[in-house]
Amino acid sequence: QVQLVESGGGLVRPGGSLRLSCAASRSIFSIHAMGWYRQAPGKERELVARINTGGSTPNYADSVKGRFTISRDNVKNTVYLQMNSLKPEDTAVYYCNVFGLAVGAAGYRDIWGQGTPVTVSA
C-alpha cells in the first residue's frame, strides 16, 4: 500500500524554485511529525527539514536554511517544501518522511515515500 505520495520534483535551473508536496494516505491516521530528507548519489540520506504536528519551530539543515520553507496542513495530512534559490548541490532524490500511526500498526513508526527526484542544472 502506498502511504505517502510525493510530487513536485523535476528539473530546474540554478536560482529557480520548486514546491514539493507529500500527501499521507488516510491509512495513516495519526501523525506526530513530517519532514523531508534527501539523498544524492554516493551520499547518505540527510535531513532537509522537519516539522512537528504540534507546531514546534521547524528544523532545517544548515545548507538549506533561508532558502527552503517547510509547512504542513494537519487536516489534510500534507507537508510541503518550498525550495527557492536552488543550487546544483541541491540535486538529489527527496523523500517524504512521516512519524505516525498507520492502520494495523502497534505504534508510531517512520514511514517513507518513494522519493521524487530534483535536478538543479543549467
C-alpha atoms as a PDB file:
ATOM      1  CA  GLN A   1       0.000   0.000   0.000  1.00  0.00           C
ATOM      2  CA  VAL A   2       1.273   3.451  -0.941  1.00  0.00           C
ATOM      3  CA  GLN A   3       1.066   5.513   2.229  1.00  0.00           C
ATOM      4  CA  LEU A   4       2.992   8.641   1.208  1.00  0.00           C
ATOM      5  CA  VAL A   5       2.826  10.230  -2.228  1.00  0.00           C
ATOM      6  CA  GLU A   6       5.362  12.885  -3.165  1.00  0.00           C
ATOM      7  CA  SER A   7       5.044  15.256  -6.076  1.00  0.00           C
ATOM      8  CA  GLY A   8       6.612  18.409  -7.437  1.00  0.00           C
ATOM      9  CA  GLY A   9      10.107  17.254  -8.268  1.00  0.00           C
ATOM     10  CA  GLY A  10      11.737  17.847 -11.599  1.00  0.00           C
ATOM     11  CA  LEU A  11      14.393  19.757 -13.473  1.00  0.00           C
ATOM     12  CA  VAL A  12      15.059  23.377 -12.616  1.00  0.00           C
ATOM     13  CA  ARG A  13      17.773  25.909 -13.364  1.00  0.00           C
ATOM     14  CA  PRO A  14      20.016  27.264 -10.624  1.00  0.00           C
ATOM     15  CA  GLY A  15      18.247  30.059  -8.811  1.00  0.00           C
ATOM     16  CA  GLY A  16      14.865  28.624  -9.619  1.00  0.00           C
ATOM     17  CA  SER A  17      12.154  27.318  -7.341  1.00  0.00           C
ATOM     18  CA  LEU A  18      10.161  24.165  -6.786  1.00  0.00           C
ATOM     19  CA  ARG A  19       7.500  23.167  -4.320  1.00  0.00           C
ATOM     20  CA  LEU A  20       7.323  19.595  -3.158  1.00  0.00           C
ATOM     21  CA  SER A  21       4.171  18.094  -1.732  1.00  0.00           C
ATOM     22  CA  CYS A  22       3.676  14.942   0.278  1.00  0.00           C
ATOM     23  CA  ALA A  23       0.227  13.612   0.977  1.00  0.00           C
ATOM     24  CA  ALA A  24      -0.241  10.954   3.620  1.00  0.00           C
ATOM     25  CA  SER A  25      -2.775   8.243   2.979  1.00  0.00           C
ATOM     26  CA  ARG A  26      -5.835   8.083   5.172  1.00  0.00           C
ATOM     27  CA  SER A  27      -4.416   4.802   6.444  1.00  0.00           C
ATOM     28  CA  ILE A  28      -2.035   6.970   8.469  1.00  0.00           C
ATOM     29  CA  PHE A  29      -4.486   8.306  10.981  1.00  0.00           C
ATOM     30  CA  SER A  30      -2.187   9.983  13.478  1.00  0.00           C
ATOM     31  CA  ILE A  31       0.929  11.972  12.634  1.00  0.00           C
ATOM     32  CA  HIS A  32       3.441  13.296  15.123  1.00  0.00           C
ATOM     33  CA  ALA A  33       5.925  14.792  12.697  1.00  0.00           C
ATOM     34  CA  MET A  34       6.513  15.211   8.995  1.00  0.00           C
ATOM     35  CA  GLY A  35       9.675  16.025   7.156  1.00  0.00           C
ATOM     36  CA  TRP A  36      11.834  15.878   4.082  1.00  0.00           C
ATOM     37  CA  TYR A  37      15.088  14.056   3.555  1.00  0.00           C
ATOM     38  CA  ARG A  38      17.284  13.848   0.506  1.00  0.00           C
ATOM     39  CA  GLN A  39      19.920  11.553  -0.864  1.00  0.00           C
ATOM     40  CA  ALA A  40      22.417  12.399  -3.561  1.00  0.00           C
ATOM     41  CA  PRO A  41      24.370   9.712  -5.429  1.00  0.00           C
ATOM     42  CA  GLY A  42      27.189   8.365  -3.305  1.00  0.00           C
ATOM     43  CA  LYS A  43      25.979  10.151  -0.196  1.00  0.00           C
ATOM     44  CA  GLU A  44      23.932   9.182   2.812  1.00  0.00           C
ATOM     45  CA  ARG A  45      20.381  10.299   3.257  1.00  0.00           C
ATOM     46  CA  GLU A  46      20.236  13.559   5.166  1.00  0.00           C
ATOM     47  CA  LEU A  47      17.581  15.588   6.887  1.00  0.00           C
ATOM     48  CA  VAL A  48      16.442  18.626   4.934  1.00  0.00           C
ATOM     49  CA  ALA A  49      13.574  19.917   7.044  1.00  0.00           C
ATOM     50  CA  ARG A  50      11.236  18.632   9.718  1.00  0.00           C
ATOM     51  CA  ILE A  51       8.150  19.980  11.429  1.00  0.00           C
ATOM     52  CA  ASN A  52       6.093  18.598  14.283  1.00  0.00           C
ATOM     53  CA  THR A  53       2.334  18.441  14.080  1.00  0.00           C
ATOM     54  CA  GLY A  54       2.175  20.241  17.413  1.00  0.00           C
ATOM     55  CA  GLY A  55       3.642  23.354  15.849  1.00  0.00           C
ATOM     56  CA  SER A  56       7.212  23.493  17.068  1.00  0.00           C
ATOM     57  CA  THR A  57       9.756  25.596  15.223  1.00  0.00           C
ATOM     58  CA  PRO A  58      10.772  23.793  12.039  1.00  0.00           C
ATOM     59  CA  ASN A  59      14.235  22.346  11.871  1.00  0.00           C
ATOM     60  CA  TYR A  60      16.370  22.871   8.764  1.00  0.00           C
ATOM     61  CA  ALA A  61      19.677  21.647   7.544  1.00  0.00           C
ATOM     62  CA  ASP A  62      22.230  24.449   7.558  1.00  0.00           C
ATOM     63  CA  SER A  63      22.698  24.045   3.829  1.00  0.00           C
ATOM     64  CA  VAL A  64      19.081  24.970   3.074  1.00  0.00           C
ATOM     65  CA  LYS A  65      18.323  27.425   5.854  1.00  0.00           C
ATOM     66  CA  GLY A  66      16.983  30.670   4.474  1.00  0.00           C
ATOM     67  CA  ARG A  67      16.160  29.111   1.117  1.00  0.00           C
ATOM     68  CA  PHE A  68      13.712  26.312   1.941  1.00  0.00           C
ATOM     69  CA  THR A  69      10.489  26.530   3.890  1.00  0.00           C
ATOM     70  CA  ILE A  70       8.552  23.585   5.266  1.00  0.00           C
ATOM     71  CA  SER A  71       4.867  23.780   6.086  1.00  0.00           C
ATOM     72  CA  ARG A  72       2.061  21.362   6.756  1.00  0.00           C
ATOM     73  CA  ASP A  73      -1.668  21.029   6.778  1.00  0.00           C
ATOM     74  CA  ASN A  74      -2.600  18.812   9.701  1.00  0.00           C
ATOM     75  CA  VAL A  75      -6.161  18.352   8.494  1.00  0.00           C
ATOM     76  CA  LYS A  76      -5.087  17.182   5.047  1.00  0.00           C
ATOM     77  CA  ASN A  77      -2.078  15.275   6.389  1.00  0.00           C
ATOM     78  CA  THR A  78       0.076  17.010   3.822  1.00  0.00           C
ATOM     79  CA  VAL A  79       3.530  18.514   4.116  1.00  0.00           C
ATOM     80  CA  TYR A  80       5.127  20.939   1.687  1.00  0.00           C
ATOM     81  CA  LEU A  81       8.653  22.026   0.959  1.00  0.00           C
ATOM     82  CA  GLN A  82       9.070  25.329  -0.818  1.00  0.00           C
ATOM     83  CA  MET A  83      12.541  25.427  -2.332  1.00  0.00           C
ATOM     84  CA  ASN A  84      13.895  28.748  -3.527  1.00  0.00           C
ATOM     85  CA  SER A  85      17.283  29.838  -4.827  1.00  0.00           C
ATOM     86  CA  LEU A  86      18.081  26.291  -5.793  1.00  0.00           C
ATOM     87  CA  LYS A  87      21.687  25.283  -6.260  1.00  0.00           C
ATOM     88  CA  PRO A  88      23.235  22.384  -8.169  1.00  0.00           C
ATOM     89  CA  GLU A  89      24.218  20.823  -4.848  1.00  0.00           C
ATOM     90  CA  ASP A  90      20.514  20.526  -4.031  1.00  0.00           C
ATOM     91  CA  THR A  91      20.258  17.836  -6.690  1.00  0.00           C
ATOM     92  CA  ALA A  92      19.044  14.663  -5.016  1.00  0.00           C
ATOM     93  CA  VAL A  93      16.109  12.373  -4.555  1.00  0.00           C
ATOM     94  CA  TYR A  94      13.857  13.926  -1.959  1.00  0.00           C
ATOM     95  CA  TYR A  95      11.963  11.646   0.385  1.00  0.00           C
ATOM     96  CA  CYS A  96       8.962  12.465   2.468  1.00  0.00           C
ATOM     97  CA  ASN A  97       9.004  11.088   5.983  1.00  0.00           C
ATOM     98  CA  VAL A  98       6.192  10.752   8.462  1.00  0.00           C
ATOM     99  CA  PHE A  99       6.439   9.624  12.044  1.00  0.00           C
ATOM    100  CA  GLY A 100       2.964   8.369  12.670  1.00  0.00           C
ATOM    101  CA  LEU A 101       0.477   5.622  13.303  1.00  0.00           C
ATOM    102  CA  ALA A 102      -0.808   3.508  10.440  1.00  0.00           C
ATOM    103  CA  VAL A 103      -3.771   1.182  10.378  1.00  0.00           C
ATOM    104  CA  GLY A 104      -2.775  -2.139  11.884  1.00  0.00           C
ATOM    105  CA  ALA A 105       0.471  -0.892  13.387  1.00  0.00           C
ATOM    106  CA  ALA A 106       1.364  -1.441  17.014  1.00  0.00           C
ATOM    107  CA  GLY A 107       2.800   2.015  17.460  1.00  0.00           C
ATOM    108  CA  TYR A 108       4.333   5.060  15.867  1.00  0.00           C
ATOM    109  CA  ARG A 109       6.955   4.429  13.225  1.00  0.00           C
ATOM    110  CA  ASP A 110       8.836   6.116  10.433  1.00  0.00           C
ATOM    111  CA  ILE A 111       7.053   5.899   7.108  1.00  0.00           C
ATOM    112  CA  TRP A 112       8.822   6.778   3.877  1.00  0.00           C
ATOM    113  CA  GLY A 113       7.684   7.842   0.455  1.00  0.00           C
ATOM    114  CA  GLN A 114       9.173   6.538  -2.770  1.00  0.00           C
ATOM    115  CA  GLY A 115      11.058   9.755  -3.401  1.00  0.00           C
ATOM    116  CA  THR A 116      10.837  12.477  -6.006  1.00  0.00           C
ATOM    117  CA  PRO A 117      13.948  13.493  -7.966  1.00  0.00           C
ATOM    118  CA  VAL A 118      15.085  17.088  -8.022  1.00  0.00           C
ATOM    119  CA  THR A 119      17.725  18.108 -10.519  1.00  0.00           C
ATOM    120  CA  VAL A 120      19.226  21.586 -10.484  1.00  0.00           C
ATOM    121  CA  SER A 121      21.232  22.170 -13.618  1.00  0.00           C
ATOM    122  CA  ALA A 122      21.922  24.895 -16.134  1.00  0.00           C
END
